[in-house]
């Protein structure tokens, strides 16, 4: 009877060790459409807000940046690699535009596939599962809700998710670049996937532009 009990115990332990619940967690893929409000701490100790609208079916990613005490900047990224960085106001009235071409498109919803699981950690007051990928990004996801809480880049920039709404989209009218982005003298810059955008003298820290590197 004792031998039977021991065999039964071993069988239960083996079964428990073999269930999917004992495998390392994997990051939840992003919804194909979502809106997120990000509070960003930059490497130069300055702050930035990013109003992010991700739309995979339309092949579009929109970042509306508010730098601390700075202008409002629109970054419209398309899956063909083209990005428009512009401010409103009209040509000659404070509006500006710069067009950039990247080697790859927007991040796919499962761009974290293959990331290394690092365990759990409390981030911004939430118990999170943590992953890293190619020593480039560290991604924190709430254990209970599986919502993204924060992600950090190798260069020290951290993005904190203040709001996250799945299955919402930005109207197309807001994402149309202004006419002065398409002038005859408009300069198109070729950028590699590890380069951030530049608007005048202001470096634009783009949380998802950086992630382009992971899908190249």
Protein backbone atom coordinates (compact mmCIF):
# COMPACT_ATOMS: atom_id res chain seq x y z
CA UNK A 1 0.00 0.00 0.00
CA UNK A 2 2.86 2.33 0.85
CA UNK A 3 4.52 1.55 -2.49
CA UNK A 4 1.27 2.34 -4.29
CA UNK A 5 0.97 5.64 -2.43
CA UNK A 6 4.54 6.59 -3.35
CA UNK A 7 3.93 5.71 -7.00
CA UNK A 8 0.74 7.77 -6.97
CA UNK A 9 2.61 10.74 -5.47
CA UNK A 10 5.34 10.48 -8.11
CA UNK A 11 2.69 10.34 -10.85
CA UNK A 12 0.99 13.46 -9.50
CA UNK A 13 4.30 15.33 -9.30
CA UNK A 14 5.22 14.32 -12.85
CA UNK A 15 1.80 15.38 -14.13
CA UNK A 16 2.05 18.75 -12.37
CA UNK A 17 5.53 19.34 -13.77
CA UNK A 18 4.33 18.55 -17.27
CA UNK A 19 1.30 20.85 -17.37
CA UNK A 20 1.42 24.07 -19.42
CA UNK A 21 0.97 26.08 -16.22
CA UNK A 22 4.52 25.17 -15.24
CA UNK A 23 6.04 26.50 -18.46
CA UNK A 24 7.56 29.98 -18.49
CA UNK A 25 4.96 32.65 -19.21
CA UNK A 26 5.00 34.31 -22.62
CA UNK A 27 4.04 37.92 -23.32
CA UNK A 28 0.50 38.49 -24.46
CA UNK A 29 0.45 39.71 -28.10
CA UNK A 30 -0.80 43.24 -28.55
CA UNK A 31 -4.38 43.77 -29.72
CA UNK A 32 -4.46 44.56 -33.43
CA UNK A 33 -5.77 47.99 -32.45
CA UNK A 34 -5.19 49.86 -29.21
CA UNK A 35 -4.69 53.27 -27.63
CA UNK A 36 -2.10 53.85 -24.92
CA UNK A 37 -0.98 56.91 -23.01
CA UNK A 38 2.72 56.71 -22.13
CA UNK A 39 4.69 58.72 -19.61
CA UNK A 40 8.32 58.62 -20.71
CA UNK A 41 11.50 59.33 -18.78
CA UNK A 42 14.25 60.16 -21.26
CA UNK A 43 17.97 59.63 -20.90
CA UNK A 44 18.61 63.38 -20.61
CA UNK A 45 16.37 63.50 -17.49
CA UNK A 46 13.61 65.25 -19.46
CA UNK A 47 10.03 64.04 -19.65
CA UNK A 48 7.69 63.33 -22.54
CA UNK A 49 4.11 62.16 -23.04
CA UNK A 50 3.20 59.90 -25.94
CA UNK A 51 -0.40 59.47 -27.06
CA UNK A 52 -0.10 56.21 -28.96
CA UNK A 53 -2.58 54.75 -31.45
CA UNK A 54 -1.57 51.36 -32.87
CA UNK A 55 -3.53 50.02 -35.85
CA UNK A 56 -2.11 46.84 -37.36
CA UNK A 57 -4.96 46.20 -39.89
CA UNK A 58 -4.40 49.68 -41.37
CA UNK A 59 -0.63 49.29 -41.23
CA UNK A 60 -0.36 52.47 -39.18
CA UNK A 61 1.16 53.56 -35.89
CA UNK A 62 0.57 57.07 -34.56
CA UNK A 63 2.52 58.80 -31.80
CA UNK A 64 1.46 62.26 -30.67
CA UNK A 65 4.34 63.57 -28.58
CA UNK A 66 4.18 66.29 -25.96
CA UNK A 67 7.68 67.14 -24.78
CA UNK A 68 7.89 68.96 -21.46
CA UNK A 69 7.16 72.67 -22.15
CA UNK A 70 7.61 71.94 -25.87
CA UNK A 71 5.52 71.79 -29.03
CA UNK A 72 3.06 69.04 -29.93
CA UNK A 73 4.61 66.72 -32.51
CA UNK A 74 2.80 64.19 -34.68
CA UNK A 75 4.59 61.02 -35.79
CA UNK A 76 2.62 59.00 -38.35
CA UNK A 77 4.32 55.70 -39.15
CA UNK A 78 3.26 53.44 -42.01
CA UNK A 79 4.03 49.78 -42.59
CA UNK A 80 5.81 50.60 -45.85
CA UNK A 81 8.58 52.20 -43.74
CA UNK A 82 7.55 55.83 -44.28
CA UNK A 83 7.18 58.13 -41.26
CA UNK A 84 5.93 61.72 -41.17
CA UNK A 85 7.08 63.94 -38.29
CA UNK A 86 5.20 67.24 -38.27
CA UNK A 87 3.84 70.09 -36.20
CA UNK A 88 0.64 71.96 -37.06
CA UNK A 89 0.35 75.59 -38.04
CA UNK A 90 0.75 75.67 -41.79
CA UNK A 91 3.85 76.38 -43.82
CA UNK A 92 5.33 79.74 -42.78
CA UNK A 93 3.09 79.80 -39.70
CA UNK A 94 5.09 77.61 -37.37
CA UNK A 95 4.23 74.29 -39.01
CA UNK A 96 7.06 71.95 -39.95
CA UNK A 97 7.40 68.51 -41.47
CA UNK A 98 10.10 65.92 -41.99
CA UNK A 99 9.67 62.64 -43.87
CA UNK A 100 11.80 59.61 -43.05
CA UNK A 101 12.15 56.20 -44.63
CA UNK A 102 12.97 53.21 -42.42
CA UNK A 103 14.12 49.78 -43.53
CA UNK A 104 11.11 48.04 -41.98
CA UNK A 105 7.48 48.78 -41.14
CA UNK A 106 5.63 49.04 -37.85
CA UNK A 107 6.00 46.41 -35.10
CA UNK A 108 3.80 43.36 -35.49
CA UNK A 109 1.50 42.43 -32.57
CA UNK A 110 3.71 39.47 -31.55
CA UNK A 111 7.06 41.25 -31.88
CA UNK A 112 8.08 39.86 -28.47
CA UNK A 113 7.99 36.24 -29.66
CA UNK A 114 11.18 34.54 -28.53
CA UNK A 115 11.84 36.95 -25.66
CA UNK A 116 13.66 35.58 -22.62
CA UNK A 117 11.58 35.27 -19.44
CA UNK A 118 13.30 36.83 -16.43
CA UNK A 119 10.76 36.14 -13.68
CA UNK A 120 8.53 38.48 -11.71
CA UNK A 121 9.22 41.97 -10.43
CA UNK A 122 7.20 44.81 -8.94
CA UNK A 123 7.13 47.74 -11.39
CA UNK A 124 5.16 50.94 -10.80
CA UNK A 125 3.33 49.15 -7.97
CA UNK A 126 2.24 46.16 -10.10
CA UNK A 127 3.49 42.59 -9.84
CA UNK A 128 4.77 41.94 -13.35
CA UNK A 129 6.17 39.19 -15.49
CA UNK A 130 9.34 40.48 -17.11
CA UNK A 131 10.98 39.57 -20.42
CA UNK A 132 13.96 40.88 -22.35
CA UNK A 133 14.72 40.55 -26.04
CA UNK A 134 18.20 40.76 -27.60
CA UNK A 135 19.33 42.97 -24.69
CA UNK A 136 17.41 45.79 -26.35
CA UNK A 137 14.06 45.96 -24.57
CA UNK A 138 12.81 44.90 -21.11
CA UNK A 139 9.05 44.43 -21.09
CA UNK A 140 6.85 44.41 -17.94
CA UNK A 141 3.37 42.91 -18.04
CA UNK A 142 0.88 42.85 -15.16
CA UNK A 143 0.57 39.26 -13.89
CA UNK A 144 -3.15 39.56 -13.14
CA UNK A 145 -4.47 41.45 -16.18
CA UNK A 146 -1.68 40.79 -18.73
CA UNK A 147 -1.72 44.50 -19.59
CA UNK A 148 1.60 46.17 -20.39
CA UNK A 149 2.86 48.25 -17.47
CA UNK A 150 6.24 49.49 -18.63
CA UNK A 151 9.09 48.87 -21.05
CA UNK A 152 12.71 49.97 -20.83
CA UNK A 153 15.28 50.29 -23.59
CA UNK A 154 18.96 49.50 -23.44
CA UNK A 155 19.84 53.21 -23.48
CA UNK A 156 17.94 53.97 -20.26
CA UNK A 157 14.71 55.35 -21.72
CA UNK A 158 11.67 54.03 -19.86
CA UNK A 159 8.01 54.17 -20.92
CA UNK A 160 5.28 53.83 -18.29
CA UNK A 161 1.78 52.88 -19.46
CA UNK A 162 -0.76 55.21 -17.84
CA UNK A 163 -3.75 54.10 -19.91
CA UNK A 164 -4.41 51.16 -22.22
CA UNK A 165 -7.54 50.66 -24.34
CA UNK A 166 -7.92 47.72 -26.72
CA UNK A 167 -9.91 47.74 -29.96
CA UNK A 168 -10.11 51.49 -30.47
CA UNK A 169 -8.92 53.41 -33.53
CA UNK A 170 -7.95 56.99 -34.36
CA UNK A 171 -10.05 58.63 -37.12
CA UNK A 172 -8.30 58.68 -40.49
CA UNK A 173 -8.73 62.45 -40.73
CA UNK A 174 -6.37 62.97 -37.80
CA UNK A 175 -3.66 60.78 -39.29
CA UNK A 176 -3.43 62.55 -42.65
CA UNK A 177 -0.14 64.43 -42.92
CA UNK A 178 -0.60 68.12 -43.86
CA UNK A 179 -0.01 69.31 -47.46
CA UNK A 180 3.35 70.88 -46.62
CA UNK A 181 4.73 67.37 -46.03
CA UNK A 182 4.41 66.72 -49.76
CA UNK A 183 6.08 69.79 -51.26
CA UNK A 184 8.55 69.46 -54.12
CA UNK A 185 11.49 70.37 -51.88
CA UNK A 186 10.45 68.06 -49.07
CA UNK A 187 13.53 66.14 -47.93
CA UNK A 188 13.14 62.42 -47.36
CA UNK A 189 15.75 60.98 -45.01
CA UNK A 190 16.79 57.34 -45.13
CA UNK A 191 17.09 56.02 -41.57
CA UNK A 192 18.39 52.69 -40.32
CA UNK A 193 16.24 50.77 -37.88
CA UNK A 194 18.32 51.72 -34.84
CA UNK A 195 18.08 55.49 -35.44
CA UNK A 196 15.59 57.84 -33.80
CA UNK A 197 13.82 60.58 -35.69
CA UNK A 198 15.01 64.17 -35.60
CA UNK A 199 12.91 67.29 -35.93
CA UNK A 200 15.07 70.41 -36.12
CA UNK A 201 17.30 70.43 -33.07
CA UNK A 202 14.91 68.28 -31.04
CA UNK A 203 15.60 64.56 -30.92
CA UNK A 204 12.33 62.66 -31.01
CA UNK A 205 12.36 59.62 -28.78
CA UNK A 206 9.96 57.19 -30.40
CA UNK A 207 9.09 54.14 -28.27
CA UNK A 208 7.90 52.10 -31.22
CA UNK A 209 10.33 53.42 -33.76
CA UNK A 210 12.99 51.80 -31.59
CA UNK A 211 11.09 48.51 -31.70
CA UNK A 212 11.45 48.49 -35.51
CA UNK A 213 14.91 47.05 -34.85
CA UNK A 214 13.38 43.90 -33.38
CA UNK A 215 11.44 43.07 -36.54
CA UNK A 216 14.16 43.71 -39.11
